[in-house]
N, C-alpha and C. Protein backbone atom coordinates (compact mmCIF):
# COMPACT_ATOMS: atom_id res chain seq x y z
N MET A 1 67.61 122.69 111.63
CA MET A 1 68.08 122.24 110.32
C MET A 1 69.60 122.10 110.37
N GLY A 2 70.09 120.98 109.85
CA GLY A 2 71.52 120.73 109.82
C GLY A 2 72.22 121.55 108.74
N ILE A 3 73.47 121.80 108.96
CA ILE A 3 74.29 122.50 107.97
C ILE A 3 75.00 121.44 107.14
N PHE A 4 74.87 121.54 105.82
CA PHE A 4 75.49 120.56 104.92
C PHE A 4 76.94 120.96 104.63
N VAL A 5 77.85 119.98 104.75
CA VAL A 5 79.27 120.18 104.47
C VAL A 5 79.67 119.20 103.38
N LYS A 6 80.32 119.69 102.33
CA LYS A 6 80.74 118.82 101.22
C LYS A 6 81.89 117.91 101.63
N TYR A 7 81.89 116.74 101.05
CA TYR A 7 82.94 115.74 101.22
C TYR A 7 84.18 116.19 100.46
N ASN A 8 85.35 116.07 101.08
CA ASN A 8 86.59 116.43 100.41
C ASN A 8 87.15 115.20 99.70
N ARG A 9 86.73 115.02 98.47
CA ARG A 9 87.09 113.85 97.67
C ARG A 9 88.60 113.71 97.48
N GLU A 10 89.26 114.83 97.27
CA GLU A 10 90.69 114.80 97.01
C GLU A 10 91.47 114.32 98.24
N LEU A 11 91.07 114.78 99.43
CA LEU A 11 91.74 114.31 100.65
C LEU A 11 91.51 112.81 100.87
N ALA A 12 90.30 112.35 100.61
CA ALA A 12 90.00 110.92 100.76
C ALA A 12 90.85 110.09 99.79
N ALA A 13 90.93 110.53 98.54
CA ALA A 13 91.72 109.80 97.54
C ALA A 13 93.21 109.85 97.86
N ARG A 14 93.69 110.99 98.34
CA ARG A 14 95.10 111.11 98.71
C ARG A 14 95.43 110.15 99.85
N TYR A 15 94.56 110.08 100.86
CA TYR A 15 94.77 109.14 101.96
C TYR A 15 94.80 107.71 101.42
N ALA A 16 93.88 107.39 100.53
CA ALA A 16 93.83 106.04 99.96
C ALA A 16 95.13 105.69 99.25
N MET A 17 95.65 106.61 98.47
CA MET A 17 96.90 106.33 97.74
C MET A 17 98.09 106.25 98.68
N ASP A 18 98.08 107.05 99.75
CA ASP A 18 99.17 107.02 100.72
C ASP A 18 99.22 105.71 101.50
N TRP A 19 98.05 105.11 101.77
CA TRP A 19 97.98 103.95 102.66
C TRP A 19 97.53 102.67 101.97
N ALA A 20 97.36 102.65 100.67
CA ALA A 20 96.87 101.46 99.97
C ALA A 20 97.78 100.24 100.14
N LEU A 21 99.07 100.44 100.17
CA LEU A 21 100.00 99.31 100.20
C LEU A 21 100.64 99.10 101.56
N THR A 22 100.16 99.83 102.56
CA THR A 22 100.67 99.69 103.92
C THR A 22 99.53 99.94 104.89
N ARG A 23 99.81 100.01 106.18
CA ARG A 23 98.77 100.22 107.18
C ARG A 23 99.10 101.43 108.04
N ASN A 24 98.08 102.18 108.39
CA ASN A 24 98.20 103.29 109.31
C ASN A 24 98.16 102.70 110.72
N SER A 25 99.22 102.85 111.49
CA SER A 25 99.33 102.22 112.81
C SER A 25 98.35 102.81 113.83
N GLN A 26 97.66 103.90 113.49
CA GLN A 26 96.65 104.45 114.39
C GLN A 26 95.39 103.59 114.41
N TYR A 27 95.26 102.67 113.44
CA TYR A 27 94.10 101.80 113.35
C TYR A 27 94.54 100.34 113.41
N LYS A 28 93.64 99.48 113.86
CA LYS A 28 93.89 98.04 113.84
C LYS A 28 93.84 97.55 112.40
N ASP A 29 94.64 96.56 112.09
CA ASP A 29 94.63 95.89 110.80
C ASP A 29 93.76 94.64 110.93
N TYR A 30 92.69 94.57 110.17
CA TYR A 30 91.73 93.46 110.25
C TYR A 30 91.97 92.40 109.19
N GLU A 31 93.11 92.43 108.56
CA GLU A 31 93.43 91.48 107.49
C GLU A 31 93.20 90.03 107.91
N ASN A 32 93.59 89.68 109.13
CA ASN A 32 93.46 88.30 109.60
C ASN A 32 92.12 88.01 110.26
N TRP A 33 91.20 88.97 110.24
CA TRP A 33 89.87 88.80 110.83
C TRP A 33 88.80 89.08 109.78
N GLY A 34 88.94 88.53 108.63
CA GLY A 34 87.94 88.70 107.58
C GLY A 34 88.27 89.74 106.53
N GLY A 35 89.35 90.47 106.71
CA GLY A 35 89.77 91.45 105.72
C GLY A 35 89.75 92.87 106.25
N ASP A 36 90.56 93.71 105.64
CA ASP A 36 90.74 95.09 106.09
C ASP A 36 90.12 96.11 105.14
N CYS A 37 89.37 95.65 104.13
CA CYS A 37 88.90 96.56 103.09
C CYS A 37 87.96 97.65 103.61
N THR A 38 87.00 97.28 104.45
CA THR A 38 86.04 98.28 104.92
C THR A 38 86.68 99.22 105.93
N ASN A 39 87.54 98.69 106.79
CA ASN A 39 88.30 99.53 107.71
C ASN A 39 89.10 100.58 106.93
N PHE A 40 89.77 100.15 105.87
CA PHE A 40 90.56 101.06 105.03
C PHE A 40 89.66 102.12 104.37
N VAL A 41 88.56 101.69 103.77
CA VAL A 41 87.65 102.63 103.11
C VAL A 41 87.06 103.62 104.13
N SER A 42 86.72 103.13 105.32
CA SER A 42 86.22 104.03 106.35
C SER A 42 87.27 105.07 106.73
N GLN A 43 88.52 104.65 106.84
CA GLN A 43 89.60 105.61 107.13
C GLN A 43 89.66 106.67 106.04
N CYS A 44 89.55 106.26 104.80
CA CYS A 44 89.60 107.19 103.67
C CYS A 44 88.45 108.19 103.74
N ILE A 45 87.24 107.68 104.00
CA ILE A 45 86.06 108.55 104.10
C ILE A 45 86.26 109.56 105.23
N HIS A 46 86.75 109.09 106.36
CA HIS A 46 87.00 109.97 107.51
C HIS A 46 88.07 111.02 107.16
N ALA A 47 89.12 110.61 106.43
CA ALA A 47 90.15 111.56 105.98
C ALA A 47 89.57 112.60 105.04
N GLY A 48 88.48 112.26 104.35
CA GLY A 48 87.79 113.20 103.47
C GLY A 48 86.86 114.14 104.20
N GLY A 49 86.90 114.09 105.54
CA GLY A 49 86.17 115.06 106.34
C GLY A 49 84.87 114.57 106.95
N ILE A 50 84.46 113.35 106.68
CA ILE A 50 83.21 112.86 107.27
C ILE A 50 83.46 112.53 108.74
N PRO A 51 82.72 113.16 109.66
CA PRO A 51 82.98 112.96 111.09
C PRO A 51 82.39 111.64 111.60
N PHE A 52 82.94 111.18 112.71
CA PHE A 52 82.34 110.03 113.40
C PHE A 52 80.88 110.38 113.73
N ASP A 53 80.04 109.35 113.71
CA ASP A 53 78.61 109.54 113.95
C ASP A 53 78.16 108.63 115.08
N HIS A 54 77.79 109.24 116.21
CA HIS A 54 77.26 108.52 117.37
C HIS A 54 75.77 108.78 117.53
N GLN A 55 75.16 109.48 116.59
CA GLN A 55 73.80 109.99 116.76
C GLN A 55 72.70 108.96 116.54
N GLY A 56 72.95 107.91 115.77
CA GLY A 56 71.91 106.92 115.50
C GLY A 56 71.37 106.30 116.78
N ASN A 57 70.10 105.84 116.73
CA ASN A 57 69.48 105.32 117.94
C ASN A 57 69.92 103.90 118.29
N ASP A 58 70.73 103.27 117.46
CA ASP A 58 71.39 102.02 117.83
C ASP A 58 72.72 101.94 117.09
N ILE A 59 73.57 101.01 117.52
CA ILE A 59 74.95 100.96 116.99
C ILE A 59 75.01 100.70 115.49
N LEU A 60 73.98 100.07 114.93
CA LEU A 60 73.96 99.82 113.49
C LEU A 60 73.68 101.08 112.69
N LYS A 61 73.29 102.16 113.37
CA LYS A 61 73.03 103.43 112.71
C LYS A 61 74.10 104.46 113.06
N GLN A 62 75.26 103.96 113.49
CA GLN A 62 76.38 104.82 113.86
C GLN A 62 77.61 104.40 113.06
N TRP A 63 78.62 105.28 113.04
CA TRP A 63 79.85 105.01 112.28
C TRP A 63 81.02 105.68 113.00
N TYR A 64 81.90 104.86 113.59
CA TYR A 64 83.06 105.40 114.31
C TYR A 64 84.06 104.30 114.60
N TRP A 65 85.29 104.72 114.93
CA TRP A 65 86.36 103.81 115.36
C TRP A 65 87.29 104.56 116.31
N TYR A 66 87.44 104.04 117.52
CA TYR A 66 88.41 104.55 118.48
C TYR A 66 89.43 103.48 118.83
N SER A 67 88.98 102.23 118.81
CA SER A 67 89.84 101.08 119.07
C SER A 67 89.09 99.84 118.59
N ASP A 68 89.77 98.70 118.62
CA ASP A 68 89.10 97.47 118.22
C ASP A 68 87.89 97.19 119.09
N MET A 69 87.94 97.57 120.34
CA MET A 69 86.84 97.31 121.27
C MET A 69 85.83 98.46 121.33
N ASN A 70 86.09 99.54 120.62
CA ASN A 70 85.21 100.70 120.64
C ASN A 70 85.03 101.21 119.20
N ARG A 71 84.20 100.47 118.46
CA ARG A 71 83.95 100.79 117.05
C ARG A 71 82.53 100.35 116.69
N SER A 72 82.02 100.91 115.63
CA SER A 72 80.70 100.49 115.14
C SER A 72 80.89 99.40 114.08
N PRO A 73 79.90 98.52 113.90
CA PRO A 73 79.99 97.50 112.85
C PRO A 73 80.16 98.10 111.45
N SER A 74 79.60 99.28 111.24
CA SER A 74 79.69 99.92 109.92
C SER A 74 81.11 100.37 109.59
N TRP A 75 81.98 100.50 110.57
CA TRP A 75 83.36 100.90 110.30
C TRP A 75 84.14 99.78 109.63
N THR A 76 83.86 98.53 109.99
CA THR A 76 84.67 97.40 109.50
C THR A 76 83.88 96.38 108.70
N GLY A 77 82.58 96.47 108.61
CA GLY A 77 81.77 95.50 107.88
C GLY A 77 81.22 96.08 106.60
N ALA A 78 81.37 95.36 105.48
CA ALA A 78 80.96 95.87 104.17
C ALA A 78 79.46 96.15 104.09
N GLU A 79 78.64 95.20 104.45
CA GLU A 79 77.19 95.41 104.37
C GLU A 79 76.70 96.43 105.40
N PRO A 80 77.18 96.39 106.66
CA PRO A 80 76.78 97.45 107.60
C PRO A 80 77.18 98.86 107.12
N LEU A 81 78.34 98.98 106.45
CA LEU A 81 78.73 100.29 105.92
C LEU A 81 77.74 100.74 104.85
N TYR A 82 77.35 99.84 103.96
CA TYR A 82 76.36 100.16 102.93
C TYR A 82 75.07 100.65 103.56
N LYS A 83 74.57 99.90 104.55
CA LYS A 83 73.31 100.28 105.18
C LYS A 83 73.43 101.62 105.89
N TYR A 84 74.53 101.84 106.59
CA TYR A 84 74.71 103.14 107.26
C TYR A 84 74.74 104.27 106.22
N MET A 85 75.55 104.10 105.18
CA MET A 85 75.73 105.17 104.19
C MET A 85 74.43 105.52 103.47
N THR A 86 73.65 104.52 103.11
CA THR A 86 72.46 104.78 102.29
C THR A 86 71.21 105.05 103.10
N ARG A 87 71.22 104.75 104.39
CA ARG A 87 70.02 104.95 105.20
C ARG A 87 70.11 106.12 106.17
N ASN A 88 71.30 106.70 106.33
CA ASN A 88 71.45 107.79 107.29
C ASN A 88 70.73 109.05 106.84
N ASN A 89 70.80 109.37 105.56
CA ASN A 89 70.14 110.55 105.02
C ASN A 89 69.56 110.26 103.65
N SER A 90 68.57 111.04 103.28
CA SER A 90 67.99 111.01 101.94
C SER A 90 67.75 112.46 101.53
N LYS A 91 67.16 112.66 100.37
CA LYS A 91 66.92 114.04 99.93
C LYS A 91 65.95 114.77 100.84
N ASP A 92 65.22 114.03 101.68
CA ASP A 92 64.23 114.65 102.55
C ASP A 92 64.66 114.75 104.02
N THR A 93 65.92 114.38 104.34
CA THR A 93 66.36 114.40 105.73
C THR A 93 67.63 115.22 105.87
N GLN A 94 67.91 115.57 107.09
CA GLN A 94 69.16 116.27 107.43
C GLN A 94 69.68 115.73 108.74
N ASN A 95 69.78 114.41 108.83
CA ASN A 95 70.31 113.78 110.04
C ASN A 95 71.80 114.06 110.15
N PHE A 96 72.30 114.12 111.38
CA PHE A 96 73.73 114.27 111.57
C PHE A 96 74.45 113.15 110.82
N GLY A 97 75.59 113.44 110.24
CA GLY A 97 76.43 112.41 109.62
C GLY A 97 76.29 112.34 108.12
N ILE A 98 76.80 111.27 107.59
CA ILE A 98 76.99 111.11 106.15
C ILE A 98 75.71 111.19 105.34
N TYR A 99 75.84 111.76 104.15
CA TYR A 99 74.77 111.75 103.16
C TYR A 99 75.39 111.12 101.92
N ALA A 100 74.93 109.91 101.60
CA ALA A 100 75.43 109.15 100.45
C ALA A 100 74.27 108.43 99.80
N MET A 101 74.47 107.99 98.57
CA MET A 101 73.41 107.27 97.87
C MET A 101 74.00 106.31 96.85
N GLU A 102 73.22 105.31 96.52
CA GLU A 102 73.60 104.38 95.47
C GLU A 102 73.38 105.07 94.12
N VAL A 103 74.36 104.91 93.21
CA VAL A 103 74.29 105.56 91.90
C VAL A 103 74.66 104.57 90.80
N ASP A 104 74.57 105.03 89.58
CA ASP A 104 75.00 104.23 88.42
C ASP A 104 76.51 104.36 88.24
N TYR A 105 77.08 103.41 87.53
CA TYR A 105 78.51 103.34 87.26
C TYR A 105 79.08 104.67 86.76
N ASN A 106 78.42 105.28 85.80
CA ASN A 106 78.96 106.48 85.17
C ASN A 106 78.82 107.75 86.02
N GLU A 107 78.29 107.63 87.24
CA GLU A 107 78.13 108.79 88.12
C GLU A 107 79.21 108.88 89.20
N LEU A 108 80.14 107.92 89.20
CA LEU A 108 81.18 107.92 90.23
C LEU A 108 82.16 109.07 90.05
N GLN A 109 82.72 109.50 91.18
CA GLN A 109 83.77 110.51 91.22
C GLN A 109 84.87 110.02 92.13
N ILE A 110 85.99 110.71 92.10
CA ILE A 110 87.07 110.43 93.04
C ILE A 110 86.49 110.46 94.45
N GLY A 111 86.89 109.49 95.27
CA GLY A 111 86.42 109.43 96.66
C GLY A 111 85.16 108.63 96.88
N ASP A 112 84.50 108.22 95.80
CA ASP A 112 83.30 107.40 95.94
C ASP A 112 83.69 105.94 96.18
N ILE A 113 82.71 105.12 96.56
CA ILE A 113 82.95 103.75 96.99
C ILE A 113 82.34 102.77 96.00
N VAL A 114 83.09 101.71 95.71
CA VAL A 114 82.60 100.60 94.91
C VAL A 114 82.58 99.37 95.81
N GLN A 115 81.46 98.66 95.78
CA GLN A 115 81.34 97.43 96.56
C GLN A 115 81.17 96.24 95.64
N LEU A 116 81.77 95.13 96.02
CA LEU A 116 81.47 93.86 95.37
C LEU A 116 80.35 93.23 96.19
N VAL A 117 79.35 92.67 95.49
CA VAL A 117 78.18 92.10 96.15
C VAL A 117 77.92 90.69 95.66
N TYR A 118 77.33 89.89 96.56
CA TYR A 118 76.88 88.55 96.21
C TYR A 118 75.60 88.65 95.41
N GLU A 119 75.16 87.51 94.86
CA GLU A 119 73.94 87.48 94.06
C GLU A 119 72.72 88.00 94.81
N ASN A 120 72.68 87.80 96.12
CA ASN A 120 71.54 88.30 96.89
C ASN A 120 71.76 89.74 97.34
N ASP A 121 72.70 90.44 96.72
CA ASP A 121 72.94 91.87 96.90
C ASP A 121 73.51 92.24 98.27
N LEU A 122 74.30 91.34 98.86
CA LEU A 122 74.98 91.65 100.11
C LEU A 122 76.44 91.97 99.83
N ALA A 123 76.90 93.10 100.33
CA ALA A 123 78.28 93.53 100.08
C ALA A 123 79.26 92.66 100.84
N TYR A 124 80.39 92.35 100.18
CA TYR A 124 81.46 91.61 100.85
C TYR A 124 82.83 92.26 100.65
N HIS A 125 82.91 93.35 99.89
CA HIS A 125 84.21 93.99 99.67
C HIS A 125 84.00 95.45 99.30
N ASN A 126 84.91 96.33 99.77
CA ASN A 126 84.85 97.77 99.48
C ASN A 126 86.15 98.25 98.86
N MET A 127 86.01 99.19 97.93
CA MET A 127 87.13 99.85 97.25
C MET A 127 86.79 101.33 97.15
N ILE A 128 87.82 102.17 97.01
CA ILE A 128 87.59 103.61 96.86
C ILE A 128 88.15 104.07 95.52
N VAL A 129 87.40 104.93 94.84
CA VAL A 129 87.83 105.48 93.55
C VAL A 129 88.88 106.56 93.78
N THR A 130 90.03 106.41 93.12
CA THR A 130 91.12 107.39 93.27
C THR A 130 91.40 108.17 91.99
N ASP A 131 90.82 107.75 90.88
CA ASP A 131 90.98 108.52 89.64
C ASP A 131 89.89 108.12 88.66
N VAL A 132 89.54 109.05 87.79
CA VAL A 132 88.57 108.83 86.72
C VAL A 132 89.35 108.95 85.42
N ILE A 133 89.33 107.90 84.61
CA ILE A 133 90.07 107.88 83.35
C ILE A 133 89.11 108.26 82.22
N LEU A 134 89.43 109.34 81.55
CA LEU A 134 88.60 109.85 80.46
C LEU A 134 89.39 109.85 79.16
N ASP A 135 88.68 109.70 78.06
CA ASP A 135 89.23 109.92 76.73
C ASP A 135 88.40 111.07 76.17
N GLY A 136 88.92 112.27 76.30
CA GLY A 136 88.12 113.46 75.99
C GLY A 136 87.02 113.56 77.03
N GLU A 137 85.77 113.49 76.57
CA GLU A 137 84.63 113.54 77.48
C GLU A 137 84.09 112.16 77.80
N PHE A 138 84.70 111.11 77.25
CA PHE A 138 84.16 109.76 77.39
C PHE A 138 84.84 109.02 78.53
N LEU A 139 84.01 108.42 79.40
CA LEU A 139 84.51 107.64 80.52
C LEU A 139 85.12 106.34 80.00
N VAL A 140 86.38 106.10 80.37
CA VAL A 140 87.08 104.88 79.98
C VAL A 140 87.09 103.88 81.13
N ASP A 141 87.44 104.34 82.33
CA ASP A 141 87.58 103.44 83.48
C ASP A 141 87.77 104.28 84.74
N TYR A 142 87.81 103.60 85.86
CA TYR A 142 88.15 104.21 87.14
C TYR A 142 89.36 103.49 87.70
N LEU A 143 90.15 104.18 88.50
CA LEU A 143 91.20 103.53 89.26
C LEU A 143 90.73 103.45 90.71
N ILE A 144 91.05 102.33 91.36
CA ILE A 144 90.64 102.12 92.75
C ILE A 144 91.83 101.74 93.61
N CYS A 145 91.67 101.97 94.90
CA CYS A 145 92.60 101.47 95.91
C CYS A 145 91.80 100.60 96.86
N GLN A 146 92.48 99.62 97.44
CA GLN A 146 91.82 98.73 98.39
C GLN A 146 92.83 98.06 99.29
N HIS A 147 92.34 97.57 100.42
CA HIS A 147 93.07 96.64 101.28
C HIS A 147 92.41 95.27 101.10
N THR A 148 93.09 94.24 101.63
CA THR A 148 92.71 92.85 101.43
C THR A 148 92.98 92.57 99.95
N TYR A 149 94.13 92.03 99.67
CA TYR A 149 94.72 92.04 98.33
C TYR A 149 94.99 93.50 97.98
N ASP A 150 95.91 94.11 98.70
CA ASP A 150 96.19 95.54 98.57
C ASP A 150 96.44 95.93 97.12
N LEU A 151 95.76 96.99 96.70
CA LEU A 151 95.92 97.52 95.35
C LEU A 151 96.00 99.03 95.39
N LEU A 152 96.89 99.58 94.57
CA LEU A 152 97.07 101.02 94.43
C LEU A 152 96.77 101.41 93.00
N ASN A 153 95.75 102.25 92.80
CA ASN A 153 95.37 102.75 91.47
C ASN A 153 95.23 101.63 90.46
N HIS A 154 94.41 100.67 90.80
CA HIS A 154 94.14 99.49 89.97
C HIS A 154 92.89 99.75 89.12
N PRO A 155 92.89 99.37 87.84
CA PRO A 155 91.71 99.59 87.00
C PRO A 155 90.49 98.83 87.53
N LEU A 156 89.40 99.53 87.74
CA LEU A 156 88.18 98.90 88.21
C LEU A 156 87.69 97.85 87.21
N SER A 157 87.91 98.09 85.94
CA SER A 157 87.46 97.15 84.90
C SER A 157 88.10 95.77 85.05
N MET A 158 89.20 95.68 85.77
CA MET A 158 89.87 94.40 85.97
C MET A 158 89.36 93.66 87.21
N LYS A 159 88.47 94.26 87.97
CA LYS A 159 87.89 93.62 89.14
C LYS A 159 86.66 92.83 88.71
N GLN A 160 86.69 91.54 88.99
CA GLN A 160 85.56 90.69 88.63
C GLN A 160 84.51 90.70 89.73
N GLY A 161 83.28 90.44 89.34
CA GLY A 161 82.19 90.34 90.28
C GLY A 161 81.15 91.42 90.09
N GLU A 162 79.99 91.18 90.68
CA GLU A 162 78.90 92.15 90.62
C GLU A 162 79.24 93.33 91.51
N LYS A 163 78.97 94.54 91.01
CA LYS A 163 79.37 95.75 91.72
C LYS A 163 78.18 96.63 92.06
N ARG A 164 78.36 97.40 93.12
CA ARG A 164 77.39 98.40 93.56
C ARG A 164 78.19 99.68 93.78
N TYR A 165 77.61 100.84 93.45
CA TYR A 165 78.33 102.10 93.45
C TYR A 165 77.69 103.09 94.42
N LEU A 166 78.52 103.69 95.28
CA LEU A 166 78.04 104.61 96.30
C LEU A 166 78.70 105.97 96.16
N LYS A 167 77.89 106.99 96.01
CA LYS A 167 78.37 108.37 95.91
C LYS A 167 78.22 109.03 97.27
N ILE A 168 79.30 109.62 97.75
CA ILE A 168 79.29 110.37 99.00
C ILE A 168 79.14 111.84 98.66
N LEU A 169 78.07 112.44 99.15
CA LEU A 169 77.81 113.85 98.86
C LEU A 169 78.45 114.75 99.93
N GLY A 170 78.40 114.31 101.18
CA GLY A 170 78.92 115.10 102.28
C GLY A 170 78.30 114.65 103.57
N TYR A 171 78.10 115.59 104.49
CA TYR A 171 77.48 115.24 105.77
C TYR A 171 76.76 116.47 106.34
N TYR A 172 75.87 116.18 107.26
CA TYR A 172 75.18 117.24 108.00
C TYR A 172 75.80 117.31 109.39
N GLU A 173 76.04 118.55 109.84
CA GLU A 173 76.57 118.71 111.21
C GLU A 173 75.51 119.30 112.11
């Protein structure tokens, strides 16, 4: 049985705010190769304590980045990241690596992921939640950070397009 470790949402959000308007030179910038949004979000998730995952039985079930030539598709691709995050674990499994699930808008927390999706439900853009705006107990909005049209603490309500919401619970080691 795997040991469950909680995701450090605050560290992920802090990394996002530190690097939203610039690039971490330890990673390749994919801005000119289709966009850097998923690479950035993956960095944030990793900064939140989620370890690289080489355990899946094929590369589409893994998540890691060591160099441009040594990375998984889920590290830099929006739809592969969605599939990795939502299929790696469920309430009935304890596979090594991330445990995340699709949730409703009002269930997001700092460090969770918002995806923009096409009509056929394929993700094409990733953002990370960096703040939850409340009026008393009532949810007003979320602030997000992203690469590819770099944004720092931008209101999610101002982002157009169909959205999908991913909650990161933690990982199994």
